[in-house]
Amino acid sequence: MAKTRISTLNLRIHPAVKDAVREAAANEHRSVANMVEVLIRRHCDLTGITIPEQTDLFQRKNNA
């Protein structure tokens, strides 16, 4: 199985937005990092931006 690669994203946000993300994460029993990823994925779904899944990336690498 392919090793999952994780990238680090550092960002600066308003403290009130950070508190809101923490609250949203707690409400869904998620970490803040996972909540941010979920929010980004939801936005991409709504705006038609495709995010390749790990299996898609693995298949592309093996077919190359």
N, C-alpha and C. Protein backbone atom coordinates (compact mmCIF):
# COMPACT_ATOMS: atom_id res chain seq x y z
N MET A 1 0.85 -1.18 0.00
CA MET A 1 0.00 0.00 0.00
C MET A 1 0.88 1.23 0.00
N ALA A 2 0.44 2.26 -0.68
CA ALA A 2 1.21 3.50 -0.79
C ALA A 2 1.25 4.23 0.55
N LYS A 3 2.39 4.81 0.81
CA LYS A 3 2.54 5.61 2.02
C LYS A 3 1.83 6.94 1.81
N THR A 4 1.01 7.34 2.78
CA THR A 4 0.29 8.61 2.69
C THR A 4 1.25 9.75 3.02
N ARG A 5 1.29 10.72 2.15
CA ARG A 5 2.11 11.90 2.40
C ARG A 5 1.23 13.00 2.96
N ILE A 6 1.73 13.65 3.96
CA ILE A 6 1.01 14.73 4.60
C ILE A 6 1.81 16.02 4.42
N SER A 7 1.12 17.08 4.04
CA SER A 7 1.76 18.39 3.90
C SER A 7 1.34 19.28 5.06
N THR A 8 2.22 20.15 5.45
CA THR A 8 1.94 21.10 6.51
C THR A 8 1.45 22.41 5.89
N LEU A 9 0.42 22.99 6.49
CA LEU A 9 -0.12 24.26 6.04
C LEU A 9 -0.13 25.21 7.24
N ASN A 10 0.69 26.24 7.17
CA ASN A 10 0.72 27.25 8.23
C ASN A 10 -0.07 28.46 7.74
N LEU A 11 -0.96 28.96 8.58
CA LEU A 11 -1.72 30.13 8.18
C LEU A 11 -2.03 30.99 9.39
N ARG A 12 -2.31 32.23 9.08
CA ARG A 12 -2.69 33.19 10.13
C ARG A 12 -4.15 33.54 9.92
N ILE A 13 -4.92 33.41 10.98
CA ILE A 13 -6.34 33.74 10.90
C ILE A 13 -6.74 34.55 12.14
N HIS A 14 -7.85 35.23 12.03
CA HIS A 14 -8.38 36.02 13.14
C HIS A 14 -8.71 35.07 14.30
N PRO A 15 -8.42 35.48 15.53
CA PRO A 15 -8.70 34.62 16.68
C PRO A 15 -10.16 34.14 16.76
N ALA A 16 -11.09 34.98 16.34
CA ALA A 16 -12.50 34.57 16.39
C ALA A 16 -12.78 33.44 15.39
N VAL A 17 -12.11 33.48 14.23
CA VAL A 17 -12.27 32.41 13.25
C VAL A 17 -11.66 31.12 13.80
N LYS A 18 -10.52 31.22 14.44
CA LYS A 18 -9.88 30.06 15.05
C LYS A 18 -10.79 29.44 16.10
N ASP A 19 -11.40 30.28 16.92
CA ASP A 19 -12.34 29.78 17.94
C ASP A 19 -13.53 29.08 17.29
N ALA A 20 -14.02 29.63 16.18
CA ALA A 20 -15.15 29.02 15.48
C ALA A 20 -14.78 27.66 14.92
N VAL A 21 -13.57 27.55 14.36
CA VAL A 21 -13.11 26.25 13.82
C VAL A 21 -12.95 25.25 14.95
N ARG A 22 -12.43 25.69 16.08
CA ARG A 22 -12.30 24.80 17.24
C ARG A 22 -13.67 24.30 17.69
N GLU A 23 -14.64 25.19 17.74
CA GLU A 23 -15.99 24.80 18.15
C GLU A 23 -16.62 23.84 17.15
N ALA A 24 -16.47 24.13 15.85
CA ALA A 24 -17.00 23.25 14.82
C ALA A 24 -16.36 21.86 14.92
N ALA A 25 -15.05 21.83 15.13
CA ALA A 25 -14.34 20.56 15.26
C ALA A 25 -14.84 19.77 16.47
N ALA A 26 -15.01 20.45 17.58
CA ALA A 26 -15.50 19.79 18.78
C ALA A 26 -16.91 19.24 18.58
N ASN A 27 -17.75 20.01 17.89
CA ASN A 27 -19.13 19.57 17.64
C ASN A 27 -19.19 18.30 16.79
N GLU A 28 -18.19 18.11 15.93
CA GLU A 28 -18.16 16.94 15.05
C GLU A 28 -17.15 15.90 15.50
N HIS A 29 -16.60 16.09 16.71
CA HIS A 29 -15.61 15.16 17.29
C HIS A 29 -14.44 14.96 16.34
N ARG A 30 -13.90 16.07 15.83
CA ARG A 30 -12.76 16.06 14.91
C ARG A 30 -11.64 16.89 15.51
N SER A 31 -10.44 16.67 15.00
CA SER A 31 -9.34 17.57 15.35
C SER A 31 -9.52 18.85 14.54
N VAL A 32 -8.85 19.91 14.95
CA VAL A 32 -8.92 21.16 14.21
C VAL A 32 -8.36 20.95 12.80
N ALA A 33 -7.25 20.23 12.68
CA ALA A 33 -6.65 19.98 11.37
C ALA A 33 -7.62 19.22 10.46
N ASN A 34 -8.29 18.20 11.01
CA ASN A 34 -9.24 17.45 10.20
C ASN A 34 -10.44 18.30 9.83
N MET A 35 -10.88 19.16 10.74
CA MET A 35 -12.01 20.04 10.44
C MET A 35 -11.66 21.00 9.31
N VAL A 36 -10.46 21.55 9.33
CA VAL A 36 -10.04 22.45 8.25
C VAL A 36 -10.03 21.69 6.93
N GLU A 37 -9.52 20.46 6.93
CA GLU A 37 -9.51 19.66 5.70
C GLU A 37 -10.93 19.40 5.21
N VAL A 38 -11.84 19.06 6.11
CA VAL A 38 -13.24 18.82 5.74
C VAL A 38 -13.85 20.08 5.13
N LEU A 39 -13.60 21.23 5.73
CA LEU A 39 -14.14 22.49 5.22
C LEU A 39 -13.59 22.80 3.83
N ILE A 40 -12.30 22.55 3.62
CA ILE A 40 -11.71 22.77 2.30
C ILE A 40 -12.32 21.83 1.28
N ARG A 41 -12.47 20.55 1.64
CA ARG A 41 -13.08 19.58 0.72
C ARG A 41 -14.53 19.95 0.39
N ARG A 42 -15.28 20.41 1.39
CA ARG A 42 -16.67 20.84 1.13
C ARG A 42 -16.70 22.01 0.16
N HIS A 43 -15.82 22.98 0.37
CA HIS A 43 -15.75 24.14 -0.52
C HIS A 43 -15.41 23.70 -1.94
N CYS A 44 -14.43 22.82 -2.07
CA CYS A 44 -14.04 22.34 -3.40
C CYS A 44 -15.19 21.60 -4.07
N ASP A 45 -15.92 20.77 -3.32
CA ASP A 45 -17.09 20.08 -3.88
C ASP A 45 -18.12 21.09 -4.40
N LEU A 46 -18.37 22.13 -3.62
CA LEU A 46 -19.37 23.12 -4.00
C LEU A 46 -18.95 23.97 -5.19
N THR A 47 -17.64 24.15 -5.37
CA THR A 47 -17.16 25.02 -6.45
C THR A 47 -16.61 24.26 -7.65
N GLY A 48 -16.72 22.93 -7.60
CA GLY A 48 -16.30 22.13 -8.75
C GLY A 48 -14.80 21.91 -8.87
N ILE A 49 -14.09 22.07 -7.78
CA ILE A 49 -12.64 21.81 -7.79
C ILE A 49 -12.43 20.35 -7.41
N THR A 50 -11.71 19.63 -8.27
CA THR A 50 -11.48 18.20 -8.04
C THR A 50 -10.22 18.00 -7.21
N ILE A 51 -10.33 17.17 -6.19
CA ILE A 51 -9.18 16.78 -5.38
C ILE A 51 -8.97 15.29 -5.62
N PRO A 52 -7.85 14.90 -6.24
CA PRO A 52 -7.62 13.48 -6.47
C PRO A 52 -7.51 12.73 -5.14
N GLU A 53 -8.13 11.59 -5.07
CA GLU A 53 -8.04 10.78 -3.86
C GLU A 53 -6.71 10.04 -3.86
N GLN A 54 -6.29 9.56 -2.71
CA GLN A 54 -5.02 8.87 -2.58
C GLN A 54 -4.95 7.67 -3.52
N THR A 55 -6.03 6.92 -3.68
CA THR A 55 -6.02 5.75 -4.56
C THR A 55 -5.80 6.17 -6.01
N ASP A 56 -6.39 7.31 -6.42
CA ASP A 56 -6.19 7.82 -7.78
C ASP A 56 -4.72 8.17 -8.01
N LEU A 57 -4.10 8.81 -7.03
CA LEU A 57 -2.70 9.18 -7.16
C LEU A 57 -1.81 7.95 -7.23
N PHE A 58 -2.13 6.94 -6.43
CA PHE A 58 -1.36 5.70 -6.42
C PHE A 58 -1.46 4.98 -7.76
N GLN A 59 -2.65 4.94 -8.33
CA GLN A 59 -2.85 4.28 -9.62
C GLN A 59 -2.11 5.01 -10.72
N ARG A 60 -2.11 6.34 -10.71
CA ARG A 60 -1.39 7.12 -11.72
C ARG A 60 0.11 6.84 -11.65
N LYS A 61 0.63 6.76 -10.42
CA LYS A 61 2.06 6.52 -10.24
C LYS A 61 2.45 5.15 -10.78
N ASN A 62 1.62 4.14 -10.52
CA ASN A 62 1.93 2.77 -10.96
C ASN A 62 1.75 2.60 -12.46
N ASN A 63 0.91 3.40 -13.09
CA ASN A 63 0.68 3.30 -14.53
C ASN A 63 1.72 4.09 -15.33
N ALA A 64 2.49 4.91 -14.67
CA ALA A 64 3.48 5.76 -15.37
C ALA A 64 4.70 4.96 -15.78
